[in-house]
Amino acid sequence: MLDVAKSLPEDPEELRRFTALLLAEVKSQAMLIEKLRHQLAGHRSHRFGTSSETIEQLQLALEASEVAVAKMTAKLRLPDEEEKDKPKRRPIPDHIPRQEIELITGDEDCAHCGGTLRRLGEDVTEELEYVPGRFIVNRIVRPRMACSGCEAFTQAALPSRPIERGRPGPGLLAHVLVSKYADHLPLYRQSQIFEREGLDLDRSTLADWVGKSTALLEPLADAIGRHVLAGQAIFADDTPVKMLAPGTGKTATARLWAYGRDERPWNGDAPPASWYCFSPDRKGQHPKDHLASYQGWMHADGYAGFEDIYRSSDIHEVACMAHVRRKFVDVHRAQGSAIADGAIRRIAQLYAVEKEARGSPPDQRVEIRQAKAAPIFDELEGWLHDQLPTVSGKSPLAMAIRYGLTRMKRLRPYLDHGFLELDNNTAERAMRSVAIGRKNYLFVGSQTGGRAAAIAYTLIETAKLNGVDPQRWLADTLACIPDYKITRVDDLLPWHWSNKAA
């Protein structure tokens, strides 16, 4: 069985400090939730005098904090606290179709005396499940059997479930996760959608499910991270996300980092993957910690925080031509500059060579690049040097030229290594889903909530990269992961599921 406690410190004193910090964060988030609920209730009572945008932002703030608390509670294996105003669990409506699953022990005779078993009654557990397009209720029936000879009782055990004593099935949990992190539907909107189906599923309930599901799936996200860092070359990027700052009534700017591995352009065998990490700020120490075990090449933009990594580790930089091109495109759009247009046309020739080389093995890509791309690259570099003295030194065009010359020096290794790329677009594509999502959910509730989002993005985006339906894969994974050995967690990765499904 997967055991999240294995990731906790082993030293008793360190463990006590770690637990105290997490408990303090849980308490802080609980106080924030209480405050936000009070504010939301006040706005609702005066809804005609308050903008709907304010109410929506409070809904999103509550959602973010509740996800964080649920993940911390699951991580620490704390008992769920019964809040006074927490919505009570209501019966699943009768109009939702039922399907009965009977669990029997398989024995006809008593294990104690060999007598015949007779049925005395049964226990029924209702599990709300979601299959694509509709809800169903699994009625898990467990007959209670008694021996006619010795009166001993026997009954099939209730199978492990993603959330202990919880009502959601794995398919429903997968649907909520994918709706939030792939389809960008905040939980309060999902709650409204479920209400139209006649289901009373409060936002706070859904937040609890998200937090506990991501805590359960964390070892799988860690396995994807190890897979990414095993590559010869990776792609790195980051993007800002807002994080609630408890006690201040404001938000801080946190970061989500994406590290990608994609060897398909050079016909590599490794499956593509995206690994996301969360940090409360953009200090260079964070990517340094993320990449502590990595050795190889890294495609990235010109973020200054990476410089110490290149100097102090075995990570070699590969710059991004897309960033260089973007500078000239901006100048051309604003000024119609002939020099900017010339740079764009020369860069287009380099991408034409890449199109020809795509899908070839590394050695053939090097041959193509040396024969066709290297002369274009050298000519572009020399041409930019010649153009720089002809323009004003403080103009946007001059800044674009200087930026291009600086980055091209660090991009040149791609000509000699067929497993490298001309740009960092793999990582930038990994950030698109985050950029769209943050427009809808606005912020995360805490560092724990940010890590929950990073786990969800890691799993969903990696599944999509491998052509795997993230909802079907997560449903199957959530169904089996509670009883899965952590030493075999790699077997649950989406590319293995894809092979099994095929």
Protein backbone atom coordinates (compact mmCIF):
# COMPACT_ATOMS: atom_id res chain seq x y z
CA MET A 1 0.00 0.00 0.00
CA LEU A 2 1.28 3.47 -0.85
CA ASP A 3 2.38 5.20 2.33
CA VAL A 4 2.83 8.97 2.19
CA ALA A 5 4.39 8.85 5.67
CA LYS A 6 7.58 7.45 4.10
CA SER A 7 8.36 10.92 2.78
CA LEU A 8 8.36 12.42 6.29
CA PRO A 9 11.57 13.02 8.32
CA GLU A 10 12.89 10.03 10.30
CA ASP A 11 14.52 11.96 13.15
CA PRO A 12 11.90 12.30 15.95
CA GLU A 13 12.81 15.89 16.80
CA GLU A 14 12.83 16.94 13.15
CA LEU A 15 9.52 15.13 12.64
CA ARG A 16 7.97 17.01 15.58
CA ARG A 17 9.11 20.35 14.15
CA PHE A 18 7.86 19.39 10.69
CA THR A 19 4.48 18.32 12.08
CA ALA A 20 4.18 21.48 14.17
CA LEU A 21 4.78 23.63 11.10
CA LEU A 22 2.17 21.78 9.08
CA LEU A 23 -0.34 21.90 11.91
CA ALA A 24 0.24 25.63 12.21
CA GLU A 25 -0.41 25.99 8.49
CA VAL A 26 -3.60 23.92 8.80
CA LYS A 27 -4.78 26.17 11.64
CA SER A 28 -3.89 29.30 9.66
CA GLN A 29 -5.79 28.06 6.61
CA ALA A 30 -8.78 27.09 8.78
CA MET A 31 -8.93 30.62 10.21
CA LEU A 32 -8.69 32.07 6.71
CA ILE A 33 -11.50 29.81 5.52
CA GLU A 34 -13.71 30.96 8.41
CA LYS A 35 -12.98 34.60 7.58
CA LEU A 36 -13.68 34.13 3.86
CA ARG A 37 -16.93 32.30 4.58
CA HIS A 38 -18.03 35.16 6.80
CA GLN A 39 -17.19 37.68 4.08
CA LEU A 40 -18.98 35.62 1.45
CA ALA A 41 -22.08 35.30 3.62
CA GLY A 42 -22.10 39.07 4.15
CA HIS A 43 -21.79 39.80 0.45
CA ARG A 44 -24.56 37.35 -0.37
CA SER A 45 -26.90 39.02 2.11
CA HIS A 46 -26.26 42.30 0.30
CA ARG A 47 -25.83 40.78 -3.14
CA PHE A 48 -27.62 43.57 -4.96
CA GLY A 49 -25.13 46.08 -3.64
CA THR A 50 -22.04 43.96 -4.25
CA SER A 51 -20.53 43.04 -7.59
CA SER A 52 -20.74 39.44 -8.73
CA GLU A 53 -16.98 39.61 -9.38
CA THR A 54 -16.31 40.14 -5.66
CA ILE A 55 -18.45 37.14 -4.75
CA GLU A 56 -16.71 35.01 -7.38
CA GLN A 57 -13.27 35.95 -6.05
CA LEU A 58 -14.32 34.98 -2.52
CA GLN A 59 -15.63 31.65 -3.87
CA LEU A 60 -12.28 31.03 -5.54
CA ALA A 61 -10.33 32.04 -2.44
CA LEU A 62 -12.33 29.58 -0.33
CA GLU A 63 -11.80 26.85 -2.92
CA ALA A 64 -8.04 27.38 -2.94
CA SER A 65 -7.75 27.29 0.86
CA GLU A 66 -9.99 24.23 1.24
CA VAL A 67 -7.94 22.24 -1.28
CA ALA A 68 -4.78 23.12 0.67
CA VAL A 69 -6.26 22.05 4.00
CA ALA A 70 -7.53 18.75 2.55
CA LYS A 71 -4.10 17.90 1.13
CA MET A 72 -2.31 18.72 4.39
CA THR A 73 -4.84 16.67 6.36
CA ALA A 74 -4.34 13.69 4.08
CA LYS A 75 -0.55 14.07 4.18
CA LEU A 76 -0.48 14.04 7.97
CA ARG A 77 -3.25 11.41 8.18
CA LEU A 78 -5.20 13.72 10.47
CA PRO A 79 -8.85 12.94 11.24
CA ASP A 80 -11.34 15.12 9.42
CA GLU A 81 -12.74 17.82 11.69
CA GLU A 82 -16.49 18.26 11.74
CA GLU A 83 -17.12 21.95 11.21
CA LYS A 84 -20.35 23.40 12.55
CA ASP A 85 -21.33 24.99 9.26
CA LYS A 86 -19.92 22.27 7.02
CA PRO A 87 -22.60 20.93 4.66
CA LYS A 88 -24.05 17.64 5.89
CA ARG A 89 -23.90 14.62 3.62
CA ARG A 90 -27.30 14.10 2.03
CA PRO A 91 -28.63 10.89 0.48
CA ILE A 92 -27.87 10.39 -3.19
CA PRO A 93 -31.07 11.21 -5.11
CA ASP A 94 -33.22 8.26 -6.19
CA HIS A 95 -33.19 9.32 -9.84
CA ILE A 96 -29.49 8.46 -10.21
CA PRO A 97 -29.29 4.93 -11.72
CA ARG A 98 -28.06 2.18 -9.40
CA GLN A 99 -25.94 -0.82 -10.27
CA GLU A 100 -25.50 -3.51 -7.66
CA ILE A 101 -22.14 -5.08 -6.85
CA GLU A 102 -22.33 -8.01 -4.45
CA LEU A 103 -19.19 -8.95 -2.57
CA ILE A 104 -19.12 -12.47 -1.14
CA THR A 105 -16.37 -14.27 0.72
CA GLY A 106 -16.42 -17.19 -1.71
CA ASP A 107 -16.76 -19.76 1.06
CA GLU A 108 -19.83 -21.97 1.43
CA ASP A 109 -18.65 -23.55 4.69
CA CYS A 110 -17.67 -21.99 8.01
CA ALA A 111 -13.93 -21.50 8.38
CA HIS A 112 -14.15 -22.36 12.11
CA CYS A 113 -16.15 -25.59 12.20
CA GLY A 114 -17.00 -26.47 8.62
CA GLY A 115 -20.72 -25.85 9.10
CA THR A 116 -23.01 -24.49 6.37
CA LEU A 117 -23.24 -20.68 6.15
CA ARG A 118 -26.66 -19.04 6.06
CA ARG A 119 -27.43 -15.43 5.12
CA LEU A 120 -28.52 -13.19 8.00
CA GLY A 121 -28.59 -9.80 6.29
CA GLU A 122 -26.32 -7.44 4.44
CA ASP A 123 -24.50 -4.12 4.59
CA VAL A 124 -24.94 -1.74 1.67
CA THR A 125 -22.49 1.04 0.81
CA GLU A 126 -23.52 3.53 -1.85
CA GLU A 127 -20.71 5.03 -3.93
CA LEU A 128 -21.41 7.91 -6.28
CA GLU A 129 -19.53 7.29 -9.49
CA TYR A 130 -19.14 9.09 -12.80
CA VAL A 131 -18.72 7.43 -16.17
CA PRO A 132 -18.30 9.69 -19.21
CA GLY A 133 -21.58 11.49 -19.73
CA ARG A 134 -23.58 10.26 -16.74
CA PHE A 135 -23.66 9.54 -13.02
CA ILE A 136 -24.35 6.15 -11.51
CA VAL A 137 -24.51 4.76 -8.00
CA ASN A 138 -22.63 1.60 -7.16
CA ARG A 139 -24.56 -0.29 -4.49
CA ILE A 140 -21.86 -2.41 -2.89
CA VAL A 141 -23.73 -5.21 -1.13
CA ARG A 142 -21.89 -7.38 1.41
CA PRO A 143 -24.03 -10.24 2.76
CA ARG A 144 -23.56 -11.09 6.43
CA MET A 145 -23.26 -14.86 6.74
CA ALA A 146 -23.57 -17.00 9.87
CA CYS A 147 -22.60 -20.62 10.39
CA SER A 148 -25.52 -22.95 11.14
CA GLY A 149 -23.22 -25.01 13.36
CA CYS A 150 -21.15 -22.63 15.51
CA GLU A 151 -22.90 -19.31 14.80
CA ALA A 152 -19.62 -17.73 13.66
CA PHE A 153 -20.09 -14.69 11.42
CA THR A 154 -18.30 -13.94 8.15
CA GLN A 155 -18.53 -11.11 5.63
CA ALA A 156 -16.52 -9.89 2.63
CA ALA A 157 -14.35 -6.90 3.41
CA LEU A 158 -15.17 -3.55 1.83
CA PRO A 159 -12.53 -2.92 -0.86
CA SER A 160 -10.06 -0.06 -0.42
CA ARG A 161 -11.27 3.24 -1.80
CA PRO A 162 -9.42 6.42 -2.79
CA ILE A 163 -10.91 8.35 0.14
CA GLU A 164 -11.50 6.29 3.26
CA ARG A 165 -15.12 6.47 4.42
CA GLY A 166 -15.72 8.80 1.47
CA ARG A 167 -18.58 8.52 -0.96
CA PRO A 168 -16.97 9.37 -4.33
CA GLY A 169 -15.86 6.65 -6.71
CA PRO A 170 -12.55 6.91 -8.57
CA GLY A 171 -14.26 7.94 -11.81
CA LEU A 172 -15.96 10.88 -10.10
CA LEU A 173 -12.72 12.00 -8.46
CA ALA A 174 -10.96 11.83 -11.83
CA HIS A 175 -13.78 13.83 -13.42
CA VAL A 176 -13.46 16.60 -10.79
CA LEU A 177 -9.67 16.77 -11.17
CA VAL A 178 -9.75 16.87 -14.97
CA SER A 179 -12.59 19.40 -15.00
CA LYS A 180 -10.58 21.74 -12.74
CA TYR A 181 -7.04 21.35 -14.09
CA ALA A 182 -7.62 20.40 -17.74
CA ASP A 183 -10.98 22.02 -18.52
CA HIS A 184 -10.37 24.99 -16.16
CA LEU A 185 -13.68 24.76 -14.29
CA PRO A 186 -13.42 26.10 -10.72
CA LEU A 187 -14.99 23.85 -8.13
CA TYR A 188 -17.85 26.20 -7.31
CA ARG A 189 -18.90 26.09 -10.98
CA GLN A 190 -18.68 22.31 -10.97
CA SER A 191 -20.91 22.35 -7.88
CA GLN A 192 -23.47 24.39 -9.82
CA ILE A 193 -23.33 21.93 -12.72
CA PHE A 194 -23.85 18.97 -10.39
CA GLU A 195 -26.79 20.77 -8.82
CA ARG A 196 -28.51 20.82 -12.22
CA GLU A 197 -28.16 17.02 -12.17
CA GLY A 198 -29.97 16.94 -8.84
CA LEU A 199 -26.77 16.30 -6.84
CA ASP A 200 -25.96 18.35 -3.75
CA LEU A 201 -22.16 18.47 -3.85
CA ASP A 202 -20.88 21.58 -2.13
CA ARG A 203 -17.71 23.36 -3.24
CA SER A 204 -16.02 22.57 0.08
CA THR A 205 -16.75 18.87 -0.45
CA LEU A 206 -15.17 18.96 -3.90
CA ALA A 207 -12.15 20.83 -2.50
CA ASP A 208 -11.72 18.09 0.10
CA TRP A 209 -11.78 15.48 -2.67
CA VAL A 210 -9.18 17.35 -4.73
CA GLY A 211 -6.79 17.76 -1.79
CA LYS A 212 -7.01 14.14 -0.71
CA SER A 213 -6.78 12.79 -4.28
CA THR A 214 -3.62 14.77 -5.07
CA ALA A 215 -2.05 13.63 -1.78
CA LEU A 216 -2.76 10.02 -2.77
CA LEU A 217 -1.36 10.55 -6.27
CA GLU A 218 1.80 12.39 -5.17
CA PRO A 219 4.12 9.33 -5.47
CA LEU A 220 3.04 9.03 -9.10
CA ALA A 221 3.93 12.66 -9.80
CA ASP A 222 7.31 12.07 -8.11
CA ALA A 223 7.89 9.10 -10.43
CA ILE A 224 7.20 11.32 -13.45
CA GLY A 225 9.72 13.81 -12.06
CA ARG A 226 12.37 11.09 -11.84
CA HIS A 227 11.60 10.07 -15.43
CA VAL A 228 12.01 13.65 -16.67
CA LEU A 229 15.35 14.10 -14.88
CA ALA A 230 16.69 10.88 -16.41
CA GLY A 231 16.79 12.47 -19.87
CA GLN A 232 19.86 13.70 -21.74
CA ALA A 233 18.12 17.04 -22.33
CA ILE A 234 15.21 18.73 -20.59
CA PHE A 235 13.15 21.87 -21.11
CA ALA A 236 12.49 24.37 -18.30
CA ASP A 237 10.15 27.32 -17.86
CA ASP A 238 8.16 29.03 -15.12
CA THR A 239 5.05 31.16 -14.83
CA PRO A 240 3.56 33.31 -12.05
CA VAL A 241 0.51 32.29 -10.01
CA LYS A 242 -1.14 34.23 -7.22
CA MET A 243 -1.04 32.73 -3.72
CA LEU A 244 -3.19 33.87 -0.81
CA ALA A 245 -1.20 35.44 2.02
CA PRO A 246 -3.09 34.58 5.26
CA GLY A 247 -3.66 37.48 7.59
CA THR A 248 -2.87 40.19 5.03
CA GLY A 249 -5.96 40.09 2.83
CA LYS A 250 -3.63 40.19 -0.17
CA THR A 251 -1.97 37.78 -2.59
CA ALA A 252 1.70 37.06 -3.18
CA THR A 253 3.26 36.09 -6.50
CA ALA A 254 4.32 32.44 -6.44
CA ARG A 255 5.62 30.33 -9.34
CA LEU A 256 4.85 27.10 -11.10
CA TRP A 257 7.89 25.54 -12.78
CA ALA A 258 7.61 23.09 -15.67
CA TYR A 259 10.36 20.64 -16.61
CA GLY A 260 9.77 18.64 -19.77
CA ARG A 261 11.28 15.66 -21.52
CA ASP A 262 10.36 15.01 -25.13
CA GLU A 263 12.57 12.88 -27.33
CA ARG A 264 10.08 12.39 -30.16
CA PRO A 265 11.75 14.97 -32.46
CA TRP A 266 14.87 12.78 -32.64
CA ASN A 267 13.02 9.45 -32.58
CA GLY A 268 13.96 8.60 -28.99
CA ASP A 269 12.27 5.74 -27.14
CA ALA A 270 11.49 7.53 -23.86
CA PRO A 271 7.86 8.63 -23.38
CA PRO A 272 7.30 12.41 -23.21
CA ALA A 273 6.49 13.89 -19.80
CA SER A 274 5.97 17.20 -18.01
CA TRP A 275 6.86 17.62 -14.34
CA TYR A 276 5.55 20.65 -12.45
CA CYS A 277 6.89 22.10 -9.21
CA PHE A 278 5.57 24.92 -7.04
CA SER A 279 7.51 27.58 -5.14
CA PRO A 280 6.35 30.62 -3.14
CA ASP A 281 8.68 32.96 -5.09
CA ARG A 282 11.11 33.01 -8.02
CA LYS A 283 14.40 32.67 -6.16
CA GLY A 284 17.05 30.72 -8.04
CA GLN A 285 17.38 28.27 -5.15
CA HIS A 286 14.10 26.62 -6.13
CA PRO A 287 15.13 25.33 -9.58
CA LYS A 288 18.50 24.48 -8.06
CA ASP A 289 16.72 22.22 -5.56
CA HIS A 290 14.42 20.76 -8.23
CA LEU A 291 17.40 19.89 -10.46
CA ALA A 292 19.86 18.81 -7.75
CA SER A 293 20.14 15.28 -9.14
CA TYR A 294 20.13 16.22 -12.83
CA GLN A 295 23.09 16.08 -15.19
CA GLY A 296 22.71 17.01 -18.83
CA TRP A 297 21.47 19.80 -21.09
CA MET A 298 18.69 22.22 -20.27
CA HIS A 299 16.75 24.36 -22.74
CA ALA A 300 15.64 27.55 -21.00
CA ASP A 301 15.12 31.28 -21.37
CA GLY A 302 17.57 33.87 -20.06
CA TYR A 303 16.33 33.79 -16.43
CA ALA A 304 19.23 35.00 -14.27
CA GLY A 305 18.39 32.49 -11.53
CA PHE A 306 19.63 29.67 -13.77
CA GLU A 307 23.14 31.14 -13.99
CA ASP A 308 24.28 29.66 -10.67
CA ILE A 309 23.01 26.25 -11.78
CA TYR A 310 25.13 26.38 -14.92
CA ARG A 311 28.20 27.47 -12.94
CA SER A 312 27.89 25.07 -10.02
CA SER A 313 26.53 21.86 -11.53
CA ASP A 314 26.78 19.51 -14.49
CA ILE A 315 23.87 21.18 -16.27
CA HIS A 316 24.69 22.77 -19.63
CA GLU A 317 22.61 25.62 -21.06
CA VAL A 318 20.81 25.64 -24.39
CA ALA A 319 19.20 28.97 -25.24
CA CYS A 320 15.92 29.47 -27.10
CA MET A 321 15.62 30.86 -30.63
CA ALA A 322 11.88 31.41 -30.18
CA HIS A 323 12.65 34.05 -27.54
CA VAL A 324 15.12 35.74 -29.93
CA ARG A 325 12.57 35.73 -32.75
CA ARG A 326 9.86 37.14 -30.46
CA LYS A 327 11.95 40.26 -29.77
CA PHE A 328 12.24 41.02 -33.49
CA VAL A 329 8.56 40.27 -34.12
CA ASP A 330 7.60 42.83 -31.45
CA VAL A 331 9.84 45.48 -33.06
CA HIS A 332 8.56 44.71 -36.55
CA ARG A 333 4.93 44.99 -35.45
CA ALA A 334 5.56 48.31 -33.72
CA GLN A 335 7.88 49.94 -36.25
CA GLY A 336 7.83 47.92 -39.46
CA SER A 337 11.65 47.74 -39.25
CA ALA A 338 13.41 46.28 -42.30
CA ILE A 339 16.23 45.01 -40.09
CA ALA A 340 13.76 43.20 -37.82
CA ASP A 341 12.11 41.71 -40.91
CA GLY A 342 15.52 40.51 -42.14
CA ALA A 343 16.20 38.79 -38.83
CA ILE A 344 12.79 37.10 -38.86
CA ARG A 345 13.33 35.78 -42.41
CA ARG A 346 16.76 34.35 -41.54
CA ILE A 347 15.39 32.67 -38.41
CA ALA A 348 12.61 31.18 -40.54
CA GLN A 349 15.29 29.48 -42.64
CA LEU A 350 16.68 27.81 -39.50
CA TYR A 351 13.21 26.49 -38.64
CA ALA A 352 12.84 25.16 -42.18
CA VAL A 353 15.96 23.05 -41.62
CA GLU A 354 14.53 21.80 -38.32
CA LYS A 355 11.35 20.74 -40.09
CA GLU A 356 13.45 18.65 -42.45
CA ALA A 357 15.46 17.09 -39.60
CA ARG A 358 12.48 16.31 -37.36
CA GLY A 359 12.04 12.59 -36.69
CA SER A 360 15.56 11.64 -37.76
CA PRO A 361 18.02 10.04 -35.32
CA PRO A 362 20.55 12.36 -33.62
CA ASP A 363 23.50 11.61 -35.91
CA GLN A 364 21.47 12.39 -39.04
CA ARG A 365 20.12 15.58 -37.44
CA VAL A 366 23.69 16.72 -36.80
CA GLU A 367 24.62 16.08 -40.44
CA ILE A 368 21.63 18.05 -41.71
CA ARG A 369 22.26 20.93 -39.32
CA GLN A 370 25.97 21.16 -40.08
CA ALA A 371 25.32 21.15 -43.81
CA LYS A 372 22.32 23.49 -43.92
CA ALA A 373 21.69 25.24 -40.58
CA ALA A 374 25.25 26.14 -39.54
CA PRO A 375 25.89 28.49 -42.53
CA ILE A 376 22.56 30.25 -41.89
CA PHE A 377 23.30 30.52 -38.17
CA ASP A 378 26.79 31.96 -38.80
CA GLU A 379 25.47 34.41 -41.39
CA LEU A 380 22.67 35.59 -39.05
CA GLU A 381 25.14 36.14 -36.22
CA GLY A 382 27.53 38.11 -38.40
CA TRP A 383 24.70 40.10 -39.98
CA LEU A 384 23.36 41.12 -36.56
CA HIS A 385 26.85 42.30 -35.54
CA ASP A 386 26.96 44.44 -38.70
CA GLN A 387 23.49 45.93 -38.10
CA LEU A 388 24.03 46.93 -34.46
CA PRO A 389 26.22 50.03 -35.14
CA THR A 390 23.64 51.32 -37.63
CA VAL A 391 20.81 51.77 -35.10
CA SER A 392 20.36 53.87 -31.97
CA GLY A 393 21.91 52.08 -29.00
CA LYS A 394 18.89 52.67 -26.76
CA SER A 395 16.24 51.69 -29.29
CA PRO A 396 14.11 48.54 -28.94
CA LEU A 397 15.73 47.22 -32.11
CA ALA A 398 19.23 47.57 -30.63
CA MET A 399 18.08 45.78 -27.47
CA ALA A 400 16.63 42.97 -29.60
CA ILE A 401 19.90 42.64 -31.53
CA ARG A 402 22.03 42.56 -28.36
CA TYR A 403 19.69 40.01 -26.78
CA GLY A 404 19.86 37.86 -29.93
CA LEU A 405 23.66 37.93 -30.07
CA THR A 406 23.93 36.99 -26.39
CA ARG A 407 21.49 34.10 -26.67
CA MET A 408 22.90 32.77 -29.95
CA LYS A 409 26.24 32.12 -28.26
CA ARG A 410 24.42 29.84 -25.84
CA LEU A 411 22.31 28.25 -28.55
CA ARG A 412 25.19 27.12 -30.74
CA PRO A 413 25.51 23.66 -29.06
CA TYR A 414 22.30 22.55 -30.79
CA LEU A 415 24.25 22.40 -34.07
CA ASP A 416 26.57 19.71 -32.66
CA HIS A 417 24.09 17.57 -30.69
CA GLY A 418 21.18 15.93 -32.46
CA PHE A 419 19.19 15.42 -29.25
CA LEU A 420 18.98 19.19 -28.65
CA GLU A 421 16.36 21.56 -30.06
CA LEU A 422 16.38 25.02 -31.60
CA ASP A 423 13.98 26.40 -29.00
CA ASN A 424 12.33 25.84 -25.64
CA ASN A 425 8.80 25.55 -27.01
CA THR A 426 8.29 22.17 -25.31
CA ALA A 427 8.33 23.86 -21.90
CA GLU A 428 6.32 26.84 -23.10
CA ARG A 429 3.59 24.52 -24.40
CA ALA A 430 3.51 22.87 -20.97
CA MET A 431 2.61 26.26 -19.48
CA ARG A 432 -0.41 26.92 -21.69
CA SER A 433 -2.79 24.94 -19.53
CA VAL A 434 -1.59 26.78 -16.40
CA ALA A 435 -1.98 30.16 -18.12
CA ILE A 436 -5.56 29.38 -19.14
CA GLY A 437 -6.41 27.84 -15.78
CA ARG A 438 -5.23 30.75 -13.64
CA LYS A 439 -7.64 33.05 -15.47
CA ASN A 440 -10.43 30.92 -14.02
CA TYR A 441 -9.23 29.98 -10.55
CA LEU A 442 -7.16 33.18 -9.98
CA PHE A 443 -4.94 31.87 -7.16
CA VAL A 444 -3.85 28.98 -4.92
CA GLY A 445 -4.60 28.93 -1.21
CA SER A 446 -1.13 28.20 0.16
CA GLN A 447 2.11 26.40 -0.65
CA THR A 448 0.33 23.11 -0.01
CA GLY A 449 -2.44 24.12 -2.40
CA GLY A 450 0.18 25.09 -4.97
CA ARG A 451 1.83 21.68 -4.64
CA ALA A 452 -1.58 20.04 -5.12
CA ALA A 453 -2.00 21.96 -8.38
CA ALA A 454 1.53 20.96 -9.49
CA ILE A 455 0.70 17.28 -8.88
CA ALA A 456 -2.54 17.51 -10.85
CA TYR A 457 -0.87 19.30 -13.78
CA THR A 458 1.99 16.78 -13.81
CA LEU A 459 -0.39 13.83 -14.12
CA ILE A 460 -2.89 15.36 -16.55
CA GLU A 461 -0.43 17.03 -18.92
CA THR A 462 1.82 13.94 -19.05
CA ALA A 463 -1.19 11.77 -19.91
CA LYS A 464 -2.14 14.16 -22.71
CA LEU A 465 1.43 14.14 -24.09
CA ASN A 466 1.20 10.34 -24.39
CA GLY A 467 -2.17 10.37 -26.13
CA VAL A 468 -3.89 8.99 -23.02
CA ASP A 469 -7.32 10.14 -21.90
CA PRO A 470 -6.46 11.67 -18.50
CA GLN A 471 -9.90 11.00 -17.04
CA ARG A 472 -9.95 7.29 -17.91
CA TRP A 473 -6.36 6.82 -16.76
CA LEU A 474 -6.86 8.68 -13.48
CA ALA A 475 -10.07 6.74 -12.80
CA ASP A 476 -8.26 3.42 -13.20
CA THR A 477 -5.26 4.66 -11.21
CA LEU A 478 -7.31 6.02 -8.31
CA ALA A 479 -9.15 2.71 -8.15
CA CYS A 480 -6.00 0.64 -7.61
CA ILE A 481 -3.43 3.00 -6.05
CA PRO A 482 -4.63 2.68 -2.41
CA ASP A 483 -3.47 -0.97 -2.37
CA TYR A 484 -0.48 -0.56 -4.71
CA LYS A 485 3.07 -1.20 -3.54
CA ILE A 486 5.09 1.99 -3.68
CA THR A 487 8.04 0.06 -5.14
CA ARG A 488 5.91 -0.66 -8.21
CA VAL A 489 4.41 2.79 -8.65
CA ASP A 490 6.16 3.21 -12.02
CA ASP A 491 3.83 0.53 -13.41
CA LEU A 492 0.96 3.01 -13.08
CA LEU A 493 2.52 5.68 -15.31
CA PRO A 494 0.31 6.69 -18.26
CA TRP A 495 2.46 5.17 -21.01
CA HIS A 496 2.24 1.77 -19.31
CA TRP A 497 -1.52 2.16 -18.97
CA SER A 498 -1.69 3.03 -22.67
CA ASN A 499 0.19 -0.14 -23.59
CA LYS A 500 -2.10 -2.21 -21.35
CA ALA A 501 -5.22 -0.58 -22.78
CA ALA A 502 -4.06 -1.23 -26.34
